[in-house]
């Protein structure tokens, strides 16, 4: 196996975590919309937790993408 092939495989493995991140973000917003639909008055209370979860999840996605790019172009 050439070093270039190993880099491509490593980058693919690093990006594979984005599948789980997309799934978790879908679950997060699905639960958020469902809870607001059941109790619209609780939207302001739930908004902070939802946005915090989104930010943390998105930061993990950006880190995975950065690691993949660094592996590819190093």
PDB file of N, CA and C in Angstrom:
ATOM      1  N   UNK A   1       0.851  -1.172   0.000  1.00  0.00           N
ATOM      2  CA  UNK A   1       0.000   0.000   0.000  1.00  0.00           C
ATOM      3  C   UNK A   1       0.897   1.235   0.000  1.00  0.00           C
ATOM      4  N   UNK A   2       0.589   2.145  -0.866  1.00  0.00           N
ATOM      5  CA  UNK A   2       1.395   3.356  -0.961  1.00  0.00           C
ATOM      6  C   UNK A   2       0.989   4.330   0.143  1.00  0.00           C
ATOM      7  N   UNK A   3       1.876   5.243   0.493  1.00  0.00           N
ATOM      8  CA  UNK A   3       1.516   6.242   1.507  1.00  0.00           C
ATOM      9  C   UNK A   3       0.319   7.113   1.097  1.00  0.00           C
ATOM     10  N   UNK A   4       0.187   7.361  -0.195  1.00  0.00           N
ATOM     11  CA  UNK A   4      -0.944   8.164  -0.664  1.00  0.00           C
ATOM     12  C   UNK A   4      -2.273   7.426  -0.455  1.00  0.00           C
ATOM     13  N   UNK A   5      -2.296   6.134  -0.698  1.00  0.00           N
ATOM     14  CA  UNK A   5      -3.500   5.340  -0.471  1.00  0.00           C
ATOM     15  C   UNK A   5      -3.841   5.295   1.013  1.00  0.00           C
ATOM     16  N   UNK A   6      -2.828   5.188   1.851  1.00  0.00           N
ATOM     17  CA  UNK A   6      -3.057   5.180   3.296  1.00  0.00           C
ATOM     18  C   UNK A   6      -3.636   6.513   3.767  1.00  0.00           C
ATOM     19  N   UNK A   7      -3.170   7.613   3.171  1.00  0.00           N
ATOM     20  CA  UNK A   7      -3.719   8.926   3.522  1.00  0.00           C
ATOM     21  C   UNK A   7      -5.194   9.018   3.142  1.00  0.00           C
ATOM     22  N   UNK A   8      -5.542   8.512   1.955  1.00  0.00           N
ATOM     23  CA  UNK A   8      -6.942   8.556   1.526  1.00  0.00           C
ATOM     24  C   UNK A   8      -7.837   7.724   2.437  1.00  0.00           C
ATOM     25  N   UNK A   9      -7.364   6.578   2.837  1.00  0.00           N
ATOM     26  CA  UNK A   9      -8.139   5.727   3.741  1.00  0.00           C
ATOM     27  C   UNK A   9      -8.286   6.389   5.098  1.00  0.00           C
ATOM     28  N   UNK A  10      -7.230   6.988   5.615  1.00  0.00           N
ATOM     29  CA  UNK A  10      -7.292   7.667   6.910  1.00  0.00           C
ATOM     30  C   UNK A  10      -8.244   8.867   6.860  1.00  0.00           C
ATOM     31  N   UNK A  11      -8.232   9.604   5.759  1.00  0.00           N
ATOM     32  CA  UNK A  11      -9.140  10.741   5.617  1.00  0.00           C
ATOM     33  C   UNK A  11     -10.586  10.265   5.554  1.00  0.00           C
ATOM     34  N   UNK A  12     -10.832   9.148   4.887  1.00  0.00           N
ATOM     35  CA  UNK A  12     -12.192   8.607   4.814  1.00  0.00           C
ATOM     36  C   UNK A  12     -12.678   8.153   6.179  1.00  0.00           C
ATOM     37  N   UNK A  13     -11.796   7.557   6.955  1.00  0.00           N
ATOM     38  CA  UNK A  13     -12.176   7.129   8.307  1.00  0.00           C
ATOM     39  C   UNK A  13     -12.453   8.345   9.183  1.00  0.00           C
ATOM     40  N   UNK A  14     -11.685   9.416   9.019  1.00  0.00           N
ATOM     41  CA  UNK A  14     -11.912  10.628   9.814  1.00  0.00           C
ATOM     42  C   UNK A  14     -13.247  11.280   9.461  1.00  0.00           C
ATOM     43  N   UNK A  15     -13.644  11.213   8.207  1.00  0.00           N
ATOM     44  CA  UNK A  15     -14.905  11.829   7.778  1.00  0.00           C
ATOM     45  C   UNK A  15     -16.095  10.924   8.103  1.00  0.00           C
ATOM     46  N   UNK A  16     -15.852   9.654   8.343  1.00  0.00           N
ATOM     47  CA  UNK A  16     -16.942   8.722   8.635  1.00  0.00           C
ATOM     48  C   UNK A  16     -17.733   9.134   9.869  1.00  0.00           C
ATOM     49  N   UNK A  17     -17.112   9.851  10.791  1.00  0.00           N
ATOM     50  CA  UNK A  17     -17.824  10.295  11.992  1.00  0.00           C
ATOM     51  C   UNK A  17     -18.919  11.308  11.662  1.00  0.00           C
ATOM     52  N   UNK A  18     -18.867  11.912  10.485  1.00  0.00           N
ATOM     53  CA  UNK A  18     -19.906  12.873  10.106  1.00  0.00           C
ATOM     54  C   UNK A  18     -21.270  12.203   9.943  1.00  0.00           C
ATOM     55  N   UNK A  19     -21.295  10.917   9.667  1.00  0.00           N
ATOM     56  CA  UNK A  19     -22.565  10.199   9.587  1.00  0.00           C
ATOM     57  C   UNK A  19     -23.274  10.230  10.944  1.00  0.00           C
ATOM     58  N   UNK A  20     -22.557   9.941  11.995  1.00  0.00           N
ATOM     59  CA  UNK A  20     -23.145   9.970  13.331  1.00  0.00           C
ATOM     60  C   UNK A  20     -23.539  11.368  13.757  1.00  0.00           C
ATOM     61  N   UNK A  21     -22.765  12.342  13.342  1.00  0.00           N
ATOM     62  CA  UNK A  21     -23.071  13.722  13.690  1.00  0.00           C
ATOM     63  C   UNK A  21     -24.356  14.171  13.000  1.00  0.00           C
ATOM     64  N   UNK A  22     -24.512  13.808  11.734  1.00  0.00           N
ATOM     65  CA  UNK A  22     -25.746  14.151  11.022  1.00  0.00           C
ATOM     66  C   UNK A  22     -26.961  13.489  11.643  1.00  0.00           C
ATOM     67  N   UNK A  23     -26.798  12.250  12.048  1.00  0.00           N
ATOM     68  CA  UNK A  23     -27.893  11.540  12.698  1.00  0.00           C
ATOM     69  C   UNK A  23     -28.261  12.184  14.033  1.00  0.00           C
ATOM     70  N   UNK A  24     -27.268  12.552  14.805  1.00  0.00           N
ATOM     71  CA  UNK A  24     -27.549  13.161  16.112  1.00  0.00           C
ATOM     72  C   UNK A  24     -28.173  14.542  15.967  1.00  0.00           C
ATOM     73  N   UNK A  25     -27.760  15.294  14.955  1.00  0.00           N
ATOM     74  CA  UNK A  25     -28.386  16.604  14.741  1.00  0.00           C
ATOM     75  C   UNK A  25     -29.835  16.439  14.296  1.00  0.00           C
ATOM     76  N   UNK A  26     -30.117  15.432  13.498  1.00  0.00           N
ATOM     77  CA  UNK A  26     -31.499  15.151  13.119  1.00  0.00           C
ATOM     78  C   UNK A  26     -32.348  14.786  14.313  1.00  0.00           C
ATOM     79  N   UNK A  27     -31.809  13.964  15.197  1.00  0.00           N
ATOM     80  CA  UNK A  27     -32.537  13.603  16.418  1.00  0.00           C
ATOM     81  C   UNK A  27     -32.744  14.806  17.319  1.00  0.00           C
ATOM     82  N   UNK A  28     -31.735  15.648  17.427  1.00  0.00           N
ATOM     83  CA  UNK A  28     -31.832  16.829  18.269  1.00  0.00           C
ATOM     84  C   UNK A  28     -32.957  17.742  17.808  1.00  0.00           C
ATOM     85  N   UNK A  29     -32.973  18.077  16.523  1.00  0.00           N
ATOM     86  CA  UNK A  29     -33.993  18.998  16.030  1.00  0.00           C
ATOM     87  C   UNK A  29     -35.364  18.343  15.951  1.00  0.00           C
ATOM     88  N   UNK A  30     -35.415  17.044  15.751  1.00  0.00           N
ATOM     89  CA  UNK A  30     -36.690  16.341  15.765  1.00  0.00           C
ATOM     90  C   UNK A  30     -37.318  16.410  17.157  1.00  0.00           C
ATOM     91  N   UNK A  31     -36.510  16.168  18.171  1.00  0.00           N
ATOM     92  CA  UNK A  31     -37.016  16.243  19.542  1.00  0.00           C
ATOM     93  C   UNK A  31     -37.396  17.675  19.914  1.00  0.00           C
ATOM     94  N   UNK A  32     -36.620  18.625  19.444  1.00  0.00           N
ATOM     95  CA  UNK A  32     -36.896  20.028  19.729  1.00  0.00           C
ATOM     96  C   UNK A  32     -38.246  20.443  19.123  1.00  0.00           C
ATOM     97  N   UNK A  33     -38.453  20.135  17.856  1.00  0.00           N
ATOM     98  CA  UNK A  33     -39.706  20.500  17.195  1.00  0.00           C
ATOM     99  C   UNK A  33     -40.884  19.784  17.832  1.00  0.00           C
ATOM    100  N   UNK A  34     -40.686  18.536  18.191  1.00  0.00           N
ATOM    101  CA  UNK A  34     -41.755  17.776  18.837  1.00  0.00           C
ATOM    102  C   UNK A  34     -42.127  18.366  20.194  1.00  0.00           C
ATOM    103  N   UNK A  35     -41.130  18.757  20.963  1.00  0.00           N
ATOM    104  CA  UNK A  35     -41.421  19.310  22.291  1.00  0.00           C
ATOM    105  C   UNK A  35     -42.067  20.692  22.201  1.00  0.00           C
ATOM    106  N   UNK A  36     -41.666  21.494  21.237  1.00  0.00           N
ATOM    107  CA  UNK A  36     -42.278  22.810  21.072  1.00  0.00           C
ATOM    108  C   UNK A  36     -43.700  22.662  20.531  1.00  0.00           C
ATOM    109  N   UNK A  37     -43.934  21.660  19.697  1.00  0.00           N
ATOM    110  CA  UNK A  37     -45.287  21.439  19.189  1.00  0.00           C
ATOM    111  C   UNK A  37     -46.236  21.016  20.305  1.00  0.00           C
ATOM    112  N   UNK A  38     -45.713  20.295  21.287  1.00  0.00           N
ATOM    113  CA  UNK A  38     -46.555  19.867  22.404  1.00  0.00           C
ATOM    114  C   UNK A  38     -46.776  20.981  23.419  1.00  0.00           C
ATOM    115  N   UNK A  39     -45.747  21.815  23.616  1.00  0.00           N
ATOM    116  CA  UNK A  39     -45.846  22.887  24.611  1.00  0.00           C
ATOM    117  C   UNK A  39     -45.182  24.140  24.041  1.00  0.00           C
ATOM    118  N   UNK A  40     -45.914  24.968  23.292  1.00  0.00           N
ATOM    119  CA  UNK A  40     -45.309  26.143  22.657  1.00  0.00           C
ATOM    120  C   UNK A  40     -44.765  27.167  23.641  1.00  0.00           C
ATOM    121  N   UNK A  41     -45.274  27.180  24.852  1.00  0.00           N
ATOM    122  CA  UNK A  41     -44.807  28.157  25.842  1.00  0.00           C
ATOM    123  C   UNK A  41     -43.399  27.856  26.335  1.00  0.00           C
ATOM    124  N   UNK A  42     -42.934  26.642  26.147  1.00  0.00           N
ATOM    125  CA  UNK A  42     -41.612  26.246  26.632  1.00  0.00           C
ATOM    126  C   UNK A  42     -40.518  26.486  25.600  1.00  0.00           C
ATOM    127  N   UNK A  43     -40.845  27.172  24.518  1.00  0.00           N
ATOM    128  CA  UNK A  43     -39.863  27.365  23.444  1.00  0.00           C
ATOM    129  C   UNK A  43     -38.632  28.121  23.925  1.00  0.00           C
ATOM    130  N   UNK A  44     -38.815  29.173  24.686  1.00  0.00           N
ATOM    131  CA  UNK A  44     -37.672  29.960  25.171  1.00  0.00           C
ATOM    132  C   UNK A  44     -36.806  29.160  26.141  1.00  0.00           C
ATOM    133  N   UNK A  45     -37.405  28.293  26.925  1.00  0.00           N
ATOM    134  CA  UNK A  45     -36.634  27.481  27.873  1.00  0.00           C
ATOM    135  C   UNK A  45     -35.828  26.400  27.145  1.00  0.00           C
ATOM    136  N   UNK A  46     -36.393  25.869  26.078  1.00  0.00           N
ATOM    137  CA  UNK A  46     -35.746  24.779  25.357  1.00  0.00           C
ATOM    138  C   UNK A  46     -34.717  25.302  24.362  1.00  0.00           C
ATOM    139  N   UNK A  47     -34.867  26.540  23.923  1.00  0.00           N
ATOM    140  CA  UNK A  47     -34.018  27.086  22.868  1.00  0.00           C
ATOM    141  C   UNK A  47     -32.536  27.076  23.249  1.00  0.00           C
ATOM    142  N   UNK A  48     -32.214  27.437  24.489  1.00  0.00           N
ATOM    143  CA  UNK A  48     -30.810  27.475  24.908  1.00  0.00           C
ATOM    144  C   UNK A  48     -30.184  26.086  24.848  1.00  0.00           C
ATOM    145  N   UNK A  49     -30.881  25.091  25.368  1.00  0.00           N
ATOM    146  CA  UNK A  49     -30.342  23.726  25.360  1.00  0.00           C
ATOM    147  C   UNK A  49     -30.206  23.203  23.935  1.00  0.00           C
ATOM    148  N   UNK A  50     -31.164  23.528  23.088  1.00  0.00           N
ATOM    149  CA  UNK A  50     -31.097  23.084  21.697  1.00  0.00           C
ATOM    150  C   UNK A  50     -29.946  23.723  20.953  1.00  0.00           C
ATOM    151  N   UNK A  51     -29.756  25.011  21.132  1.00  0.00           N
ATOM    152  CA  UNK A  51     -28.661  25.700  20.453  1.00  0.00           C
ATOM    153  C   UNK A  51     -27.299  25.259  20.991  1.00  0.00           C
ATOM    154  N   UNK A  52     -27.230  24.988  22.280  1.00  0.00           N
ATOM    155  CA  UNK A  52     -25.984  24.489  22.854  1.00  0.00           C
ATOM    156  C   UNK A  52     -25.642  23.111  22.291  1.00  0.00           C
ATOM    157  N   UNK A  53     -26.630  22.246  22.209  1.00  0.00           N
ATOM    158  CA  UNK A  53     -26.405  20.927  21.617  1.00  0.00           C
ATOM    159  C   UNK A  53     -26.001  21.021  20.162  1.00  0.00           C
ATOM    160  N   UNK A  54     -26.626  21.942  19.433  1.00  0.00           N
ATOM    161  CA  UNK A  54     -26.267  22.137  18.031  1.00  0.00           C
ATOM    162  C   UNK A  54     -24.829  22.619  17.897  1.00  0.00           C
ATOM    163  N   UNK A  55     -24.435  23.574  18.726  1.00  0.00           N
ATOM    164  CA  UNK A  55     -23.081  24.131  18.640  1.00  0.00           C
ATOM    165  C   UNK A  55     -22.023  23.078  18.965  1.00  0.00           C
ATOM    166  N   UNK A  56     -22.267  22.288  19.976  1.00  0.00           N
ATOM    167  CA  UNK A  56     -21.300  21.254  20.353  1.00  0.00           C
ATOM    168  C   UNK A  56     -21.192  20.192  19.256  1.00  0.00           C
ATOM    169  N   UNK A  57     -22.327  19.789  18.726  1.00  0.00           N
ATOM    170  CA  UNK A  57     -22.326  18.788  17.661  1.00  0.00           C
ATOM    171  C   UNK A  57     -21.636  19.318  16.411  1.00  0.00           C
ATOM    172  N   UNK A  58     -21.914  20.559  16.067  1.00  0.00           N
ATOM    173  CA  UNK A  58     -21.311  21.146  14.873  1.00  0.00           C
ATOM    174  C   UNK A  58     -19.811  21.338  15.048  1.00  0.00           C
ATOM    175  N   UNK A  59     -19.366  21.659  16.261  1.00  0.00           N
ATOM    176  CA  UNK A  59     -17.926  21.816  16.473  1.00  0.00           C
ATOM    177  C   UNK A  59     -17.198  20.482  16.308  1.00  0.00           C
ATOM    178  N   UNK A  60     -17.823  19.396  16.720  1.00  0.00           N
ATOM    179  CA  UNK A  60     -17.223  18.080  16.513  1.00  0.00           C
ATOM    180  C   UNK A  60     -17.125  17.780  15.020  1.00  0.00           C
ATOM    181  N   UNK A  61     -18.153  18.159  14.264  1.00  0.00           N
ATOM    182  CA  UNK A  61     -18.137  17.940  12.821  1.00  0.00           C
ATOM    183  C   UNK A  61     -17.025  18.746  12.157  1.00  0.00           C
ATOM    184  N   UNK A  62     -16.863  19.979  12.566  1.00  0.00           N
ATOM    185  CA  UNK A  62     -15.805  20.806  11.990  1.00  0.00           C
ATOM    186  C   UNK A  62     -14.420  20.269  12.329  1.00  0.00           C
ATOM    187  N   UNK A  63     -14.248  19.758  13.543  1.00  0.00           N
ATOM    188  CA  UNK A  63     -12.962  19.161  13.918  1.00  0.00           C
ATOM    189  C   UNK A  63     -12.671  17.914  13.083  1.00  0.00           C
ATOM    190  N   UNK A  64     -13.682  17.088  12.853  1.00  0.00           N
ATOM    191  CA  UNK A  64     -13.484  15.890  12.032  1.00  0.00           C
ATOM    192  C   UNK A  64     -13.127  16.271  10.602  1.00  0.00           C
ATOM    193  N   UNK A  65     -13.785  17.283  10.082  1.00  0.00           N
ATOM    194  CA  UNK A  65     -13.478  17.731   8.726  1.00  0.00           C
ATOM    195  C   UNK A  65     -12.073  18.325   8.648  1.00  0.00           C
ATOM    196  N   UNK A  66     -11.673  19.067   9.657  1.00  0.00           N
ATOM    197  CA  UNK A  66     -10.335  19.642   9.692  1.00  0.00           C
ATOM    198  C   UNK A  66      -9.268  18.559   9.748  1.00  0.00           C
ATOM    199  N   UNK A  67      -9.491  17.550  10.573  1.00  0.00           N
ATOM    200  CA  UNK A  67      -8.541  16.448  10.660  1.00  0.00           C
ATOM    201  C   UNK A  67      -8.422  15.735   9.315  1.00  0.00           C
ATOM    202  N   UNK A  68      -9.552  15.539   8.660  1.00  0.00           N
ATOM    203  CA  UNK A  68      -9.523  14.895   7.339  1.00  0.00           C
ATOM    204  C   UNK A  68      -8.745  15.719   6.328  1.00  0.00           C
ATOM    205  N   UNK A  69      -8.955  17.015   6.310  1.00  0.00           N
ATOM    206  CA  UNK A  69      -8.227  17.880   5.374  1.00  0.00           C
ATOM    207  C   UNK A  69      -6.736  17.898   5.690  1.00  0.00           C
ATOM    208  N   UNK A  70      -6.400  17.926   6.978  1.00  0.00           N
ATOM    209  CA  UNK A  70      -4.981  17.900   7.343  1.00  0.00           C
ATOM    210  C   UNK A  70      -4.323  16.587   6.932  1.00  0.00           C
ATOM    211  N   UNK A  71      -5.038  15.494   7.057  1.00  0.00           N
ATOM    212  CA  UNK A  71      -4.480  14.210   6.643  1.00  0.00           C
ATOM    213  C   UNK A  71      -4.264  14.180   5.133  1.00  0.00           C
ATOM    214  N   UNK A  72      -5.220  14.719   4.388  1.00  0.00           N
ATOM    215  CA  UNK A  72      -5.118  14.679   2.922  1.00  0.00           C
ATOM    216  C   UNK A  72      -3.997  15.531   2.391  1.00  0.00           C
ATOM    217  N   UNK A  73      -3.826  16.715   2.929  1.00  0.00           N
ATOM    218  CA  UNK A  73      -2.901  17.667   2.332  1.00  0.00           C
ATOM    219  C   UNK A  73      -1.589  17.855   3.098  1.00  0.00           C
ATOM    220  N   UNK A  74      -1.299  17.003   4.024  1.00  0.00           N
ATOM    221  CA  UNK A  74      -0.037  17.110   4.762  1.00  0.00           C
ATOM    222  C   UNK A  74       1.044  16.365   4.046  1.00  0.00           C
TER     223      UNK A  74
END
